Amino acid sequence: MTQTNNRFFDEIGRLMNDAAGAAQGVKREFDSVIRSQAEKFLRDMDLVKREEFEAVKDMARLAREENEALKARLAALEAKLGGTPTS
């Protein structure tokens, strides 16, 4: 009788292990699908990467600084020539 019980419990244990393995496989598959859908969603939104944004932001800052310097230089030249400022 003990041998029958052991075999029964062995089968139950094996079944539980198989079920746990299957659940882990389903979880991995679910995570993979969710990740790929999120990546597709972000790609479709046409978002820029942080590095690209920072590069364009720096370019805009430099252009603004250069524009301010050129305005000051133009104002100084106009004052030197005695002309009226354009802006």
Protein backbone atom coordinates (compact mmCIF):
# COMPACT_ATOMS: atom_id res chain seq x y z
CA MET A 1 0.00 0.00 0.00
CA THR A 2 2.80 2.44 0.71
CA GLN A 3 4.24 1.85 -2.70
CA THR A 4 0.91 2.79 -4.32
CA ASN A 5 0.68 5.97 -2.26
CA ASN A 6 4.25 6.93 -3.15
CA ARG A 7 3.58 6.45 -6.84
CA PHE A 8 0.39 8.49 -6.57
CA PHE A 9 2.20 11.32 -4.78
CA ASP A 10 5.09 11.09 -7.26
CA GLU A 11 2.63 11.53 -10.12
CA ILE A 12 0.93 14.47 -8.35
CA GLY A 13 4.33 16.07 -7.74
CA ARG A 14 5.36 15.56 -11.36
CA LEU A 15 2.06 17.04 -12.53
CA MET A 16 2.56 20.09 -10.30
CA ASN A 17 6.10 20.58 -11.64
CA ASP A 18 4.83 20.37 -15.20
CA ALA A 19 2.07 22.87 -14.44
CA ALA A 20 4.57 25.29 -12.86
CA GLY A 21 6.85 24.98 -15.90
CA ALA A 22 3.93 25.62 -18.26
CA ALA A 23 2.89 28.68 -16.22
CA GLN A 24 6.41 30.07 -16.44
CA GLY A 25 6.40 29.52 -20.21
CA VAL A 26 3.08 31.33 -20.54
CA LYS A 27 4.41 34.22 -18.43
CA ARG A 28 7.53 34.53 -20.62
CA GLU A 29 5.39 34.49 -23.76
CA PHE A 30 3.02 37.09 -22.29
CA ASP A 31 5.95 39.35 -21.32
CA SER A 32 7.41 39.00 -24.80
CA VAL A 33 4.13 39.93 -26.50
CA ILE A 34 3.59 42.92 -24.20
CA ARG A 35 7.15 44.15 -24.77
CA SER A 36 6.88 43.88 -28.56
CA GLN A 37 3.50 45.66 -28.56
CA ALA A 38 4.90 48.47 -26.39
CA GLU A 39 7.92 48.85 -28.69
CA LYS A 40 5.63 48.95 -31.75
CA PHE A 41 3.42 51.55 -30.07
CA LEU A 42 6.40 53.77 -29.26
CA ARG A 43 7.81 53.38 -32.78
CA ASP A 44 4.45 54.35 -34.29
CA MET A 45 4.31 57.48 -32.11
CA ASP A 46 7.46 58.72 -33.88
CA LEU A 47 9.19 59.73 -30.65
CA VAL A 48 12.77 60.98 -30.67
CA LYS A 49 15.52 59.50 -28.57
CA ARG A 50 16.79 61.50 -25.63
CA GLU A 51 20.25 61.91 -27.21
CA GLU A 52 18.73 63.36 -30.39
CA PHE A 53 16.56 65.75 -28.38
CA GLU A 54 19.54 66.97 -26.34
CA ALA A 55 21.60 67.48 -29.53
CA VAL A 56 18.87 69.60 -31.16
CA LYS A 57 18.35 71.50 -27.91
CA ASP A 58 22.09 72.36 -27.81
CA MET A 59 22.00 73.43 -31.48
CA ALA A 60 19.05 75.73 -30.77
CA ARG A 61 20.82 77.24 -27.75
CA LEU A 62 23.97 77.90 -29.79
CA ALA A 63 21.92 79.46 -32.61
CA ARG A 64 20.14 81.72 -30.10
CA GLU A 65 23.45 82.81 -28.58
CA GLU A 66 24.90 83.50 -32.01
CA ASN A 67 21.78 85.46 -32.97
CA GLU A 68 22.06 87.61 -29.82
CA ALA A 69 25.77 88.25 -30.52
CA LEU A 70 25.00 89.25 -34.11
CA LYS A 71 22.22 91.58 -32.94
CA ALA A 72 24.61 93.28 -30.53
CA ARG A 73 27.26 93.58 -33.24
CA LEU A 74 24.74 95.03 -35.69
CA ALA A 75 23.52 97.53 -33.12
CA ALA A 76 27.12 98.59 -32.41
CA LEU A 77 27.84 99.03 -36.14
CA GLU A 78 24.65 101.03 -36.64
CA ALA A 79 25.52 103.24 -33.69
CA LYS A 80 29.03 103.74 -35.07
CA LEU A 81 27.65 104.72 -38.49
CA GLY A 82 24.94 106.88 -36.97
CA GLY A 83 22.14 104.97 -38.67
CA THR A 84 18.78 104.17 -37.20
CA PRO A 85 18.33 100.68 -35.77
CA THR A 86 16.15 98.38 -37.83
CA SER A 87 14.46 96.68 -34.94
